Amino acid sequence: MEAVIAKKPNKVSCFAAGAAVDVAMLILLSYVSEISRRMNGYADWIND
């Protein structure tokens, strides 16, 4: 994979792709944590 990236002359596009992946992962993580937090809230509500 590194060899393929090294051959590309345009490093900006690679950086942009990496940044996009990082942002997507952050959004996904926050979304998952929000869902788990709500599920815990529902569980507490059901247990009461």
PDB file of N, CA and C in Angstrom:
ATOM      1  N   MET A   1       0.840  -1.207   0.000  1.00  0.00           N
ATOM      2  CA  MET A   1       0.000   0.000   0.000  1.00  0.00           C
ATOM      3  C   MET A   1       0.870   1.250   0.000  1.00  0.00           C
ATOM      4  N   GLU A   2       1.945   1.238   0.787  1.00  0.00           N
ATOM      5  CA  GLU A   2       2.830   2.399   0.835  1.00  0.00           C
ATOM      6  C   GLU A   2       3.509   2.621  -0.519  1.00  0.00           C
ATOM      7  N   ALA A   3       3.798   1.535  -1.223  1.00  0.00           N
ATOM      8  CA  ALA A   3       4.452   1.657  -2.526  1.00  0.00           C
ATOM      9  C   ALA A   3       3.523   2.369  -3.509  1.00  0.00           C
ATOM     10  N   VAL A   4       2.250   2.045  -3.445  1.00  0.00           N
ATOM     11  CA  VAL A   4       1.284   2.673  -4.347  1.00  0.00           C
ATOM     12  C   VAL A   4       1.193   4.165  -4.059  1.00  0.00           C
ATOM     13  N   ILE A   5       1.177   4.524  -2.772  1.00  0.00           N
ATOM     14  CA  ILE A   5       1.083   5.939  -2.406  1.00  0.00           C
ATOM     15  C   ILE A   5       2.357   6.677  -2.812  1.00  0.00           C
ATOM     16  N   ALA A   6       3.506   6.024  -2.668  1.00  0.00           N
ATOM     17  CA  ALA A   6       4.781   6.669  -2.981  1.00  0.00           C
ATOM     18  C   ALA A   6       4.877   6.998  -4.469  1.00  0.00           C
ATOM     19  N   LYS A   7       4.276   6.177  -5.321  1.00  0.00           N
ATOM     20  CA  LYS A   7       4.337   6.427  -6.766  1.00  0.00           C
ATOM     21  C   LYS A   7       3.502   7.636  -7.175  1.00  0.00           C
ATOM     22  N   LYS A   8       2.476   7.945  -6.403  1.00  0.00           N
ATOM     23  CA  LYS A   8       1.601   9.062  -6.784  1.00  0.00           C
ATOM     24  C   LYS A   8       2.321  10.392  -6.583  1.00  0.00           C
ATOM     25  N   PRO A   9       2.315  11.269  -7.592  1.00  0.00           N
ATOM     26  CA  PRO A   9       2.971  12.564  -7.456  1.00  0.00           C
ATOM     27  C   PRO A   9       2.142  13.541  -6.620  1.00  0.00           C
ATOM     28  N   ASN A  10       0.834  13.340  -6.593  1.00  0.00           N
ATOM     29  CA  ASN A  10      -0.041  14.277  -5.889  1.00  0.00           C
ATOM     30  C   ASN A  10      -0.230  13.823  -4.449  1.00  0.00           C
ATOM     31  N   LYS A  11       0.562  14.399  -3.540  1.00  0.00           N
ATOM     32  CA  LYS A  11       0.461  14.014  -2.131  1.00  0.00           C
ATOM     33  C   LYS A  11      -0.712  14.702  -1.444  1.00  0.00           C
ATOM     34  N   VAL A  12      -1.167  15.817  -2.008  1.00  0.00           N
ATOM     35  CA  VAL A  12      -2.268  16.549  -1.386  1.00  0.00           C
ATOM     36  C   VAL A  12      -3.536  15.703  -1.392  1.00  0.00           C
ATOM     37  N   SER A  13      -3.781  14.986  -2.501  1.00  0.00           N
ATOM     38  CA  SER A  13      -4.982  14.160  -2.574  1.00  0.00           C
ATOM     39  C   SER A  13      -4.907  13.027  -1.560  1.00  0.00           C
ATOM     40  N   CYS A  14      -3.713  12.473  -1.365  1.00  0.00           N
ATOM     41  CA  CYS A  14      -3.540  11.409  -0.368  1.00  0.00           C
ATOM     42  C   CYS A  14      -3.808  11.958   1.026  1.00  0.00           C
ATOM     43  N   PHE A  15      -3.288  13.156   1.292  1.00  0.00           N
ATOM     44  CA  PHE A  15      -3.505  13.778   2.600  1.00  0.00           C
ATOM     45  C   PHE A  15      -4.993  14.057   2.811  1.00  0.00           C
ATOM     46  N   ALA A  16      -5.649  14.547   1.761  1.00  0.00           N
ATOM     47  CA  ALA A  16      -7.079  14.842   1.863  1.00  0.00           C
ATOM     48  C   ALA A  16      -7.869  13.560   2.110  1.00  0.00           C
ATOM     49  N   ALA A  17      -7.483  12.482   1.433  1.00  0.00           N
ATOM     50  CA  ALA A  17      -8.170  11.199   1.629  1.00  0.00           C
ATOM     51  C   ALA A  17      -7.978  10.715   3.059  1.00  0.00           C
ATOM     52  N   GLY A  18      -6.763  10.848   3.578  1.00  0.00           N
ATOM     53  CA  GLY A  18      -6.487  10.436   4.956  1.00  0.00           C
ATOM     54  C   GLY A  18      -7.282  11.273   5.945  1.00  0.00           C
ATOM     55  N   ALA A  19      -7.355  12.577   5.696  1.00  0.00           N
ATOM     56  CA  ALA A  19      -8.111  13.464   6.584  1.00  0.00           C
ATOM     57  C   ALA A  19      -9.596  13.114   6.533  1.00  0.00           C
ATOM     58  N   ALA A  20     -10.091  12.805   5.336  1.00  0.00           N
ATOM     59  CA  ALA A  20     -11.507  12.441   5.194  1.00  0.00           C
ATOM     60  C   ALA A  20     -11.805  11.166   5.976  1.00  0.00           C
ATOM     61  N   VAL A  21     -10.881  10.209   5.920  1.00  0.00           N
ATOM     62  CA  VAL A  21     -11.068   8.956   6.667  1.00  0.00           C
ATOM     63  C   VAL A  21     -11.067   9.238   8.163  1.00  0.00           C
ATOM     64  N   ASP A  22     -10.142  10.098   8.618  1.00  0.00           N
ATOM     65  CA  ASP A  22     -10.077  10.442  10.045  1.00  0.00           C
ATOM     66  C   ASP A  22     -11.385  11.093  10.503  1.00  0.00           C
ATOM     67  N   VAL A  23     -11.891  12.031   9.710  1.00  0.00           N
ATOM     68  CA  VAL A  23     -13.138  12.716  10.066  1.00  0.00           C
ATOM     69  C   VAL A  23     -14.296  11.720  10.086  1.00  0.00           C
ATOM     70  N   ALA A  24     -14.324  10.828   9.091  1.00  0.00           N
ATOM     71  CA  ALA A  24     -15.394   9.826   9.036  1.00  0.00           C
ATOM     72  C   ALA A  24     -15.349   8.922  10.261  1.00  0.00           C
ATOM     73  N   MET A  25     -14.144   8.538  10.683  1.00  0.00           N
ATOM     74  CA  MET A  25     -14.003   7.681  11.861  1.00  0.00           C
ATOM     75  C   MET A  25     -14.474   8.416  13.114  1.00  0.00           C
ATOM     76  N   LEU A  26     -14.125   9.711  13.222  1.00  0.00           N
ATOM     77  CA  LEU A  26     -14.559  10.494  14.390  1.00  0.00           C
ATOM     78  C   LEU A  26     -16.082  10.588  14.441  1.00  0.00           C
ATOM     79  N   ILE A  27     -16.691  10.853  13.283  1.00  0.00           N
ATOM     80  CA  ILE A  27     -18.151  10.955  13.224  1.00  0.00           C
ATOM     81  C   ILE A  27     -18.781   9.617  13.592  1.00  0.00           C
ATOM     82  N   LEU A  28     -18.202   8.529  13.055  1.00  0.00           N
ATOM     83  CA  LEU A  28     -18.739   7.198  13.329  1.00  0.00           C
ATOM     84  C   LEU A  28     -18.633   6.867  14.811  1.00  0.00           C
ATOM     85  N   LEU A  29     -17.476   7.184  15.407  1.00  0.00           N
ATOM     86  CA  LEU A  29     -17.276   6.897  16.831  1.00  0.00           C
ATOM     87  C   LEU A  29     -18.255   7.692  17.694  1.00  0.00           C
ATOM     88  N   SER A  30     -18.432   8.971  17.379  1.00  0.00           N
ATOM     89  CA  SER A  30     -19.346   9.797  18.175  1.00  0.00           C
ATOM     90  C   SER A  30     -20.783   9.295  18.001  1.00  0.00           C
ATOM     91  N   TYR A  31     -21.115   8.841  16.782  1.00  0.00           N
ATOM     92  CA  TYR A  31     -22.455   8.323  16.509  1.00  0.00           C
ATOM     93  C   TYR A  31     -22.701   7.048  17.311  1.00  0.00           C
ATOM     94  N   VAL A  32     -21.703   6.150  17.316  1.00  0.00           N
ATOM     95  CA  VAL A  32     -21.833   4.886  18.048  1.00  0.00           C
ATOM     96  C   VAL A  32     -21.928   5.143  19.548  1.00  0.00           C
ATOM     97  N   SER A  33     -21.110   6.059  20.057  1.00  0.00           N
ATOM     98  CA  SER A  33     -21.143   6.350  21.497  1.00  0.00           C
ATOM     99  C   SER A  33     -22.488   6.976  21.876  1.00  0.00           C
ATOM    100  N   GLU A  34     -23.030   7.799  20.987  1.00  0.00           N
ATOM    101  CA  GLU A  34     -24.339   8.411  21.245  1.00  0.00           C
ATOM    102  C   GLU A  34     -25.421   7.334  21.303  1.00  0.00           C
ATOM    103  N   ILE A  35     -25.362   6.379  20.377  1.00  0.00           N
ATOM    104  CA  ILE A  35     -26.351   5.291  20.362  1.00  0.00           C
ATOM    105  C   ILE A  35     -26.236   4.454  21.630  1.00  0.00           C
ATOM    106  N   SER A  36     -25.005   4.103  22.017  1.00  0.00           N
ATOM    107  CA  SER A  36     -24.818   3.274  23.213  1.00  0.00           C
ATOM    108  C   SER A  36     -25.292   4.027  24.459  1.00  0.00           C
ATOM    109  N   ARG A  37     -25.065   5.342  24.473  1.00  0.00           N
ATOM    110  CA  ARG A  37     -25.503   6.139  25.621  1.00  0.00           C
ATOM    111  C   ARG A  37     -27.035   6.146  25.697  1.00  0.00           C
ATOM    112  N   ARG A  38     -27.688   6.271  24.553  1.00  0.00           N
ATOM    113  CA  ARG A  38     -29.148   6.268  24.539  1.00  0.00           C
ATOM    114  C   ARG A  38     -29.690   4.894  24.911  1.00  0.00           C
ATOM    115  N   MET A  39     -29.023   3.836  24.443  1.00  0.00           N
ATOM    116  CA  MET A  39     -29.458   2.483  24.777  1.00  0.00           C
ATOM    117  C   MET A  39     -29.346   2.264  26.281  1.00  0.00           C
ATOM    118  N   ASN A  40     -28.276   2.764  26.894  1.00  0.00           N
ATOM    119  CA  ASN A  40     -28.122   2.655  28.347  1.00  0.00           C
ATOM    120  C   ASN A  40     -29.230   3.428  29.049  1.00  0.00           C
ATOM    121  N   GLY A  41     -29.586   4.588  28.511  1.00  0.00           N
ATOM    122  CA  GLY A  41     -30.666   5.380  29.092  1.00  0.00           C
ATOM    123  C   GLY A  41     -31.987   4.631  29.003  1.00  0.00           C
ATOM    124  N   TYR A  42     -32.244   3.986  27.863  1.00  0.00           N
ATOM    125  CA  TYR A  42     -33.465   3.206  27.714  1.00  0.00           C
ATOM    126  C   TYR A  42     -33.461   2.030  28.680  1.00  0.00           C
ATOM    127  N   ALA A  43     -32.309   1.386  28.855  1.00  0.00           N
ATOM    128  CA  ALA A  43     -32.201   0.243  29.767  1.00  0.00           C
ATOM    129  C   ALA A  43     -32.508   0.686  31.194  1.00  0.00           C
ATOM    130  N   ASP A  44     -31.976   1.847  31.586  1.00  0.00           N
ATOM    131  CA  ASP A  44     -32.253   2.363  32.932  1.00  0.00           C
ATOM    132  C   ASP A  44     -33.743   2.674  33.084  1.00  0.00           C
ATOM    133  N   TRP A  45     -34.342   3.234  32.022  1.00  0.00           N
ATOM    134  CA  TRP A  45     -35.758   3.587  32.065  1.00  0.00           C
ATOM    135  C   TRP A  45     -36.618   2.325  32.182  1.00  0.00           C
ATOM    136  N   ILE A  46     -36.218   1.254  31.457  1.00  0.00           N
ATOM    137  CA  ILE A  46     -36.970  -0.009  31.496  1.00  0.00           C
ATOM    138  C   ILE A  46     -36.810  -0.673  32.865  1.00  0.00           C
ATOM    139  N   ASN A  47     -35.600  -0.650  33.406  1.00  0.00           N
ATOM    140  CA  ASN A  47     -35.346  -1.292  34.699  1.00  0.00           C
ATOM    141  C   ASN A  47     -36.115  -0.603  35.824  1.00  0.00           C
ATOM    142  N   ASP A  48     -36.296   0.697  35.720  1.00  0.00           N
ATOM    143  CA  ASP A  48     -37.071   1.413  36.744  1.00  0.00           C
ATOM    144  C   ASP A  48     -38.535   1.036  36.568  1.00  0.00           C
TER     145      ASP A  48
END
